[in-house]
Amino acid sequence: MRKKRNTVIFAALVILVALGSLLVQETLLKKEGSYAVVSSGGEEAARLPLSKNTELVIGDKKQGYNRIRVEDGFVFVEEADCADKICVHEGKISRTGEVIACLPHQLIITVESANRDDADTVAW
């Protein structure tokens, strides 16, 4: 009985440490980004400043499109004609390292800092 209780306490501590680490990473370590880098087909298509409200359409109605919007310091995919619309449901992003991807259209939006040395990186 004592062994089971210790296992439960240990598991709870591990979960608390993991959640605490995630909270620290999301709140303290990530900084507000300066640009949204839009890549299509593996090539950089645009670099949009988050400080300027902008709208950009990548693609066309024939081959597939994404309507990207920068508004109030956030970037998001406002509209897309892909089947699953995961990119639209991702919501708004603004912090360095955050990503929105539309795999059917080979579109990736990444938030970056103006200072390349200031970029947050995670090694996997």
N, C-alpha and C. Protein backbone atom coordinates (compact mmCIF):
# COMPACT_ATOMS: atom_id res chain seq x y z
N MET A 1 0.83 -1.19 0.00
CA MET A 1 0.00 0.00 0.00
C MET A 1 0.88 1.26 0.00
N ARG A 2 1.92 1.23 0.80
CA ARG A 2 2.83 2.38 0.89
C ARG A 2 3.55 2.61 -0.44
N LYS A 3 3.90 1.50 -1.13
CA LYS A 3 4.58 1.59 -2.41
C LYS A 3 3.69 2.26 -3.46
N LYS A 4 2.43 1.93 -3.45
CA LYS A 4 1.48 2.51 -4.40
C LYS A 4 1.33 4.01 -4.15
N ARG A 5 1.25 4.40 -2.89
CA ARG A 5 1.11 5.81 -2.53
C ARG A 5 2.34 6.60 -2.97
N ASN A 6 3.53 6.04 -2.77
CA ASN A 6 4.76 6.70 -3.20
C ASN A 6 4.82 6.85 -4.72
N THR A 7 4.35 5.86 -5.43
CA THR A 7 4.32 5.92 -6.90
C THR A 7 3.38 7.03 -7.35
N VAL A 8 2.24 7.15 -6.74
CA VAL A 8 1.27 8.21 -7.09
C VAL A 8 1.86 9.58 -6.79
N ILE A 9 2.52 9.72 -5.65
CA ILE A 9 3.15 11.00 -5.29
C ILE A 9 4.25 11.35 -6.28
N PHE A 10 5.07 10.37 -6.65
CA PHE A 10 6.14 10.61 -7.61
C PHE A 10 5.57 11.02 -8.97
N ALA A 11 4.54 10.34 -9.45
CA ALA A 11 3.92 10.66 -10.73
C ALA A 11 3.33 12.07 -10.70
N ALA A 12 2.70 12.44 -9.59
CA ALA A 12 2.13 13.78 -9.46
C ALA A 12 3.23 14.84 -9.50
N LEU A 13 4.35 14.58 -8.84
CA LEU A 13 5.47 15.53 -8.87
C LEU A 13 6.05 15.69 -10.27
N VAL A 14 6.18 14.59 -10.99
CA VAL A 14 6.70 14.65 -12.36
C VAL A 14 5.76 15.48 -13.23
N ILE A 15 4.47 15.27 -13.10
CA ILE A 15 3.49 16.04 -13.87
C ILE A 15 3.54 17.52 -13.51
N LEU A 16 3.66 17.83 -12.23
CA LEU A 16 3.75 19.23 -11.80
C LEU A 16 5.00 19.92 -12.34
N VAL A 17 6.13 19.22 -12.32
CA VAL A 17 7.37 19.79 -12.85
C VAL A 17 7.24 20.02 -14.35
N ALA A 18 6.65 19.07 -15.07
CA ALA A 18 6.47 19.22 -16.52
C ALA A 18 5.55 20.40 -16.83
N LEU A 19 4.45 20.52 -16.12
CA LEU A 19 3.53 21.64 -16.34
C LEU A 19 4.17 22.97 -15.97
N GLY A 20 4.94 22.99 -14.89
CA GLY A 20 5.65 24.21 -14.50
C GLY A 20 6.66 24.62 -15.55
N SER A 21 7.39 23.66 -16.11
CA SER A 21 8.36 23.96 -17.15
C SER A 21 7.68 24.51 -18.40
N LEU A 22 6.57 23.93 -18.76
CA LEU A 22 5.81 24.40 -19.91
C LEU A 22 5.30 25.82 -19.68
N LEU A 23 4.81 26.09 -18.49
CA LEU A 23 4.32 27.42 -18.15
C LEU A 23 5.44 28.45 -18.22
N VAL A 24 6.60 28.12 -17.68
CA VAL A 24 7.76 29.03 -17.73
C VAL A 24 8.16 29.29 -19.18
N GLN A 25 8.20 28.24 -19.99
CA GLN A 25 8.59 28.40 -21.39
C GLN A 25 7.61 29.30 -22.13
N GLU A 26 6.34 29.11 -21.93
CA GLU A 26 5.33 29.87 -22.67
C GLU A 26 5.21 31.31 -22.19
N THR A 27 5.45 31.57 -20.92
CA THR A 27 5.24 32.93 -20.41
C THR A 27 6.50 33.76 -20.29
N LEU A 28 7.59 33.16 -19.89
CA LEU A 28 8.79 33.94 -19.63
C LEU A 28 9.81 33.91 -20.76
N LEU A 29 9.94 32.78 -21.43
CA LEU A 29 11.02 32.63 -22.40
C LEU A 29 10.66 33.12 -23.80
N LYS A 30 9.42 32.96 -24.20
CA LYS A 30 9.03 33.40 -25.55
C LYS A 30 8.77 34.89 -25.56
N LYS A 31 9.31 35.55 -26.57
CA LYS A 31 9.17 36.99 -26.70
C LYS A 31 8.23 37.30 -27.85
N GLU A 32 7.67 38.48 -27.81
CA GLU A 32 6.81 38.92 -28.91
C GLU A 32 7.65 39.02 -30.18
N GLY A 33 7.13 38.52 -31.27
CA GLY A 33 7.85 38.54 -32.53
C GLY A 33 7.70 39.85 -33.25
N SER A 34 8.51 40.04 -34.29
CA SER A 34 8.47 41.25 -35.09
C SER A 34 7.94 41.00 -36.49
N TYR A 35 8.17 39.79 -37.03
CA TYR A 35 7.80 39.47 -38.40
C TYR A 35 7.10 38.13 -38.48
N ALA A 36 6.22 38.01 -39.46
CA ALA A 36 5.67 36.72 -39.84
C ALA A 36 6.33 36.34 -41.15
N VAL A 37 7.06 35.24 -41.15
CA VAL A 37 7.72 34.77 -42.36
C VAL A 37 6.81 33.73 -42.99
N VAL A 38 6.36 34.01 -44.21
CA VAL A 38 5.45 33.13 -44.93
C VAL A 38 6.25 32.37 -45.98
N SER A 39 6.24 31.04 -45.88
CA SER A 39 6.93 30.19 -46.85
C SER A 39 5.90 29.34 -47.58
N SER A 40 6.08 29.25 -48.87
CA SER A 40 5.18 28.45 -49.70
C SER A 40 6.03 27.56 -50.60
N GLY A 41 5.81 26.27 -50.53
CA GLY A 41 6.59 25.33 -51.33
C GLY A 41 8.06 25.30 -50.96
N GLY A 42 8.38 25.63 -49.72
CA GLY A 42 9.76 25.61 -49.26
C GLY A 42 10.53 26.90 -49.52
N GLU A 43 9.91 27.86 -50.19
CA GLU A 43 10.56 29.14 -50.50
C GLU A 43 9.89 30.26 -49.72
N GLU A 44 10.67 31.22 -49.25
CA GLU A 44 10.10 32.36 -48.54
C GLU A 44 9.30 33.21 -49.53
N ALA A 45 8.02 33.38 -49.25
CA ALA A 45 7.13 34.13 -50.13
C ALA A 45 6.95 35.57 -49.65
N ALA A 46 7.01 35.78 -48.34
CA ALA A 46 6.81 37.13 -47.80
C ALA A 46 7.33 37.20 -46.38
N ARG A 47 7.68 38.41 -45.98
CA ARG A 47 8.09 38.71 -44.61
C ARG A 47 7.22 39.89 -44.19
N LEU A 48 6.22 39.62 -43.34
CA LEU A 48 5.24 40.63 -42.98
C LEU A 48 5.51 41.17 -41.58
N PRO A 49 5.67 42.48 -41.42
CA PRO A 49 5.86 43.03 -40.08
C PRO A 49 4.55 42.92 -39.28
N LEU A 50 4.67 42.48 -38.04
CA LEU A 50 3.48 42.35 -37.19
C LEU A 50 2.96 43.70 -36.73
N SER A 51 3.75 44.74 -36.92
CA SER A 51 3.35 46.08 -36.49
C SER A 51 2.44 46.77 -37.51
N LYS A 52 2.27 46.17 -38.68
CA LYS A 52 1.48 46.79 -39.74
C LYS A 52 0.36 45.84 -40.17
N ASN A 53 -0.88 46.30 -40.09
CA ASN A 53 -2.01 45.48 -40.52
C ASN A 53 -1.92 45.23 -42.02
N THR A 54 -1.94 43.95 -42.40
CA THR A 54 -1.72 43.55 -43.79
C THR A 54 -2.59 42.35 -44.12
N GLU A 55 -2.89 42.20 -45.40
CA GLU A 55 -3.57 41.00 -45.88
C GLU A 55 -2.80 40.48 -47.08
N LEU A 56 -2.62 39.16 -47.15
CA LEU A 56 -1.87 38.54 -48.23
C LEU A 56 -2.58 37.26 -48.64
N VAL A 57 -2.74 37.07 -49.95
CA VAL A 57 -3.31 35.83 -50.47
C VAL A 57 -2.20 35.07 -51.18
N ILE A 58 -1.99 33.83 -50.75
CA ILE A 58 -1.01 32.95 -51.37
C ILE A 58 -1.78 31.91 -52.17
N GLY A 59 -1.45 31.76 -53.44
CA GLY A 59 -2.12 30.79 -54.31
C GLY A 59 -3.29 31.42 -55.03
N ASP A 60 -4.14 30.55 -55.60
CA ASP A 60 -5.34 31.02 -56.29
C ASP A 60 -6.46 30.00 -56.11
N LYS A 61 -7.65 30.35 -56.57
CA LYS A 61 -8.81 29.47 -56.37
C LYS A 61 -8.70 28.18 -57.17
N LYS A 62 -7.89 28.18 -58.21
CA LYS A 62 -7.73 26.99 -59.04
C LYS A 62 -6.86 25.93 -58.35
N GLN A 63 -5.72 26.35 -57.81
CA GLN A 63 -4.77 25.41 -57.21
C GLN A 63 -4.85 25.37 -55.69
N GLY A 64 -5.59 26.26 -55.10
CA GLY A 64 -5.70 26.33 -53.65
C GLY A 64 -5.09 27.61 -53.12
N TYR A 65 -5.72 28.19 -52.13
CA TYR A 65 -5.25 29.47 -51.62
C TYR A 65 -5.39 29.55 -50.10
N ASN A 66 -4.62 30.47 -49.54
CA ASN A 66 -4.71 30.84 -48.13
C ASN A 66 -4.73 32.36 -48.05
N ARG A 67 -5.67 32.89 -47.31
CA ARG A 67 -5.73 34.34 -47.06
C ARG A 67 -5.14 34.57 -45.67
N ILE A 68 -3.98 35.23 -45.64
CA ILE A 68 -3.24 35.47 -44.40
C ILE A 68 -3.46 36.91 -43.98
N ARG A 69 -3.65 37.11 -42.70
CA ARG A 69 -3.91 38.46 -42.22
C ARG A 69 -3.03 38.78 -41.02
N VAL A 70 -2.48 39.99 -41.02
CA VAL A 70 -1.77 40.52 -39.86
C VAL A 70 -2.65 41.63 -39.32
N GLU A 71 -2.97 41.53 -38.02
CA GLU A 71 -3.87 42.51 -37.42
C GLU A 71 -3.54 42.66 -35.93
N ASP A 72 -3.32 43.88 -35.51
CA ASP A 72 -3.06 44.19 -34.10
C ASP A 72 -1.91 43.39 -33.50
N GLY A 73 -0.86 43.15 -34.29
CA GLY A 73 0.31 42.44 -33.79
C GLY A 73 0.23 40.93 -33.85
N PHE A 74 -0.82 40.39 -34.43
CA PHE A 74 -1.00 38.95 -34.57
C PHE A 74 -1.08 38.58 -36.04
N VAL A 75 -0.68 37.37 -36.37
CA VAL A 75 -0.84 36.85 -37.72
C VAL A 75 -1.73 35.61 -37.63
N PHE A 76 -2.60 35.43 -38.64
CA PHE A 76 -3.47 34.26 -38.66
C PHE A 76 -3.93 33.99 -40.09
N VAL A 77 -4.38 32.78 -40.34
CA VAL A 77 -4.95 32.43 -41.63
C VAL A 77 -6.45 32.68 -41.51
N GLU A 78 -6.90 33.66 -42.23
CA GLU A 78 -8.31 34.06 -42.17
C GLU A 78 -9.20 33.11 -42.96
N GLU A 79 -8.69 32.63 -44.09
CA GLU A 79 -9.51 31.79 -44.96
C GLU A 79 -8.60 30.87 -45.77
N ALA A 80 -9.07 29.65 -46.02
CA ALA A 80 -8.33 28.70 -46.85
C ALA A 80 -9.32 27.76 -47.48
N ASP A 81 -8.97 27.23 -48.65
CA ASP A 81 -9.89 26.30 -49.31
C ASP A 81 -9.44 24.84 -49.19
N CYS A 82 -8.55 24.56 -48.24
CA CYS A 82 -8.15 23.17 -48.00
C CYS A 82 -9.29 22.44 -47.27
N ALA A 83 -9.26 21.14 -47.32
CA ALA A 83 -10.36 20.34 -46.78
C ALA A 83 -10.48 20.43 -45.26
N ASP A 84 -9.38 20.34 -44.54
CA ASP A 84 -9.46 20.26 -43.08
C ASP A 84 -9.44 21.60 -42.37
N LYS A 85 -8.92 22.63 -42.99
CA LYS A 85 -8.86 24.00 -42.44
C LYS A 85 -8.17 24.08 -41.07
N ILE A 86 -7.20 23.19 -40.85
CA ILE A 86 -6.46 23.23 -39.59
C ILE A 86 -5.74 24.56 -39.45
N CYS A 87 -5.21 25.08 -40.55
CA CYS A 87 -4.49 26.36 -40.51
C CYS A 87 -5.39 27.50 -40.04
N VAL A 88 -6.65 27.46 -40.41
CA VAL A 88 -7.60 28.50 -39.99
C VAL A 88 -7.90 28.35 -38.50
N HIS A 89 -8.04 27.11 -38.06
CA HIS A 89 -8.38 26.84 -36.65
C HIS A 89 -7.21 27.03 -35.70
N GLU A 90 -5.99 27.17 -36.21
CA GLU A 90 -4.82 27.42 -35.36
C GLU A 90 -4.96 28.71 -34.58
N GLY A 91 -5.65 29.67 -35.14
CA GLY A 91 -5.86 30.94 -34.45
C GLY A 91 -4.73 31.91 -34.68
N LYS A 92 -4.63 32.89 -33.80
CA LYS A 92 -3.67 33.98 -33.93
C LYS A 92 -2.39 33.65 -33.19
N ILE A 93 -1.25 34.01 -33.82
CA ILE A 93 0.05 33.81 -33.18
C ILE A 93 0.83 35.12 -33.24
N SER A 94 1.72 35.32 -32.26
CA SER A 94 2.52 36.55 -32.23
C SER A 94 3.87 36.38 -31.55
N ARG A 95 4.14 35.23 -30.98
CA ARG A 95 5.37 35.04 -30.21
C ARG A 95 6.42 34.30 -31.02
N THR A 96 7.67 34.66 -30.79
CA THR A 96 8.79 34.07 -31.51
C THR A 96 8.76 32.54 -31.44
N GLY A 97 8.87 31.92 -32.61
CA GLY A 97 8.90 30.47 -32.68
C GLY A 97 7.55 29.82 -32.93
N GLU A 98 6.46 30.55 -32.82
CA GLU A 98 5.15 29.96 -33.07
C GLU A 98 4.97 29.76 -34.57
N VAL A 99 4.19 28.72 -34.92
CA VAL A 99 4.05 28.33 -36.32
C VAL A 99 2.61 28.00 -36.64
N ILE A 100 2.19 28.35 -37.85
CA ILE A 100 0.94 27.89 -38.44
C ILE A 100 1.33 27.17 -39.73
N ALA A 101 0.77 25.98 -39.96
CA ALA A 101 1.10 25.23 -41.17
C ALA A 101 -0.17 24.78 -41.88
N CYS A 102 -0.14 24.85 -43.20
CA CYS A 102 -1.19 24.29 -44.05
C CYS A 102 -0.50 23.30 -44.97
N LEU A 103 -0.51 22.04 -44.59
CA LEU A 103 0.22 21.02 -45.34
C LEU A 103 -0.34 20.80 -46.75
N PRO A 104 -1.67 20.82 -46.97
CA PRO A 104 -2.15 20.63 -48.34
C PRO A 104 -1.62 21.68 -49.32
N HIS A 105 -1.38 22.90 -48.85
CA HIS A 105 -0.89 23.98 -49.72
C HIS A 105 0.59 24.26 -49.53
N GLN A 106 1.26 23.44 -48.75
CA GLN A 106 2.69 23.59 -48.46
C GLN A 106 3.02 25.01 -47.97
N LEU A 107 2.21 25.49 -47.04
CA LEU A 107 2.35 26.84 -46.50
C LEU A 107 2.78 26.75 -45.04
N ILE A 108 3.78 27.54 -44.67
CA ILE A 108 4.23 27.61 -43.28
C ILE A 108 4.41 29.08 -42.92
N ILE A 109 3.84 29.47 -41.80
CA ILE A 109 3.99 30.82 -41.27
C ILE A 109 4.72 30.70 -39.95
N THR A 110 5.84 31.40 -39.82
CA THR A 110 6.65 31.36 -38.61
C THR A 110 6.85 32.77 -38.09
N VAL A 111 6.71 32.96 -36.79
CA VAL A 111 6.96 34.27 -36.19
C VAL A 111 8.42 34.34 -35.80
N GLU A 112 9.08 35.43 -36.21
CA GLU A 112 10.50 35.63 -35.91
C GLU A 112 10.71 36.98 -35.27
N SER A 113 11.82 37.09 -34.57
CA SER A 113 12.24 38.34 -33.95
C SER A 113 12.98 39.18 -34.98
N ALA A 114 13.00 40.48 -34.80
CA ALA A 114 13.75 41.36 -35.69
C ALA A 114 15.24 41.10 -35.54
N ASN A 115 15.66 40.78 -34.32
CA ASN A 115 17.05 40.49 -34.04
C ASN A 115 17.26 38.99 -34.14
N ARG A 116 17.97 38.52 -35.13
CA ARG A 116 18.17 37.08 -35.35
C ARG A 116 18.85 36.41 -34.16
N ASP A 117 19.70 37.15 -33.43
CA ASP A 117 20.38 36.58 -32.26
C ASP A 117 19.42 36.37 -31.10
N ASP A 118 18.27 37.05 -31.15
CA ASP A 118 17.30 37.01 -30.08
C ASP A 118 16.29 35.87 -30.27
N ALA A 119 16.37 35.17 -31.37
CA ALA A 119 15.39 34.14 -31.69
C ALA A 119 15.46 32.99 -30.70
N ASP A 120 14.30 32.53 -30.27
CA ASP A 120 14.23 31.38 -29.39
C ASP A 120 14.34 30.12 -30.26
N THR A 121 15.13 29.17 -29.81
CA THR A 121 15.24 27.93 -30.54
C THR A 121 15.08 26.79 -29.56
N VAL A 122 14.52 25.71 -30.07
CA VAL A 122 14.35 24.52 -29.26
C VAL A 122 15.02 23.38 -30.00
N ALA A 123 15.89 22.65 -29.35
CA ALA A 123 16.55 21.51 -29.98
C ALA A 123 15.80 20.25 -29.61
N TRP A 124 15.53 19.44 -30.59
CA TRP A 124 14.83 18.18 -30.35
C TRP A 124 15.76 17.04 -30.52
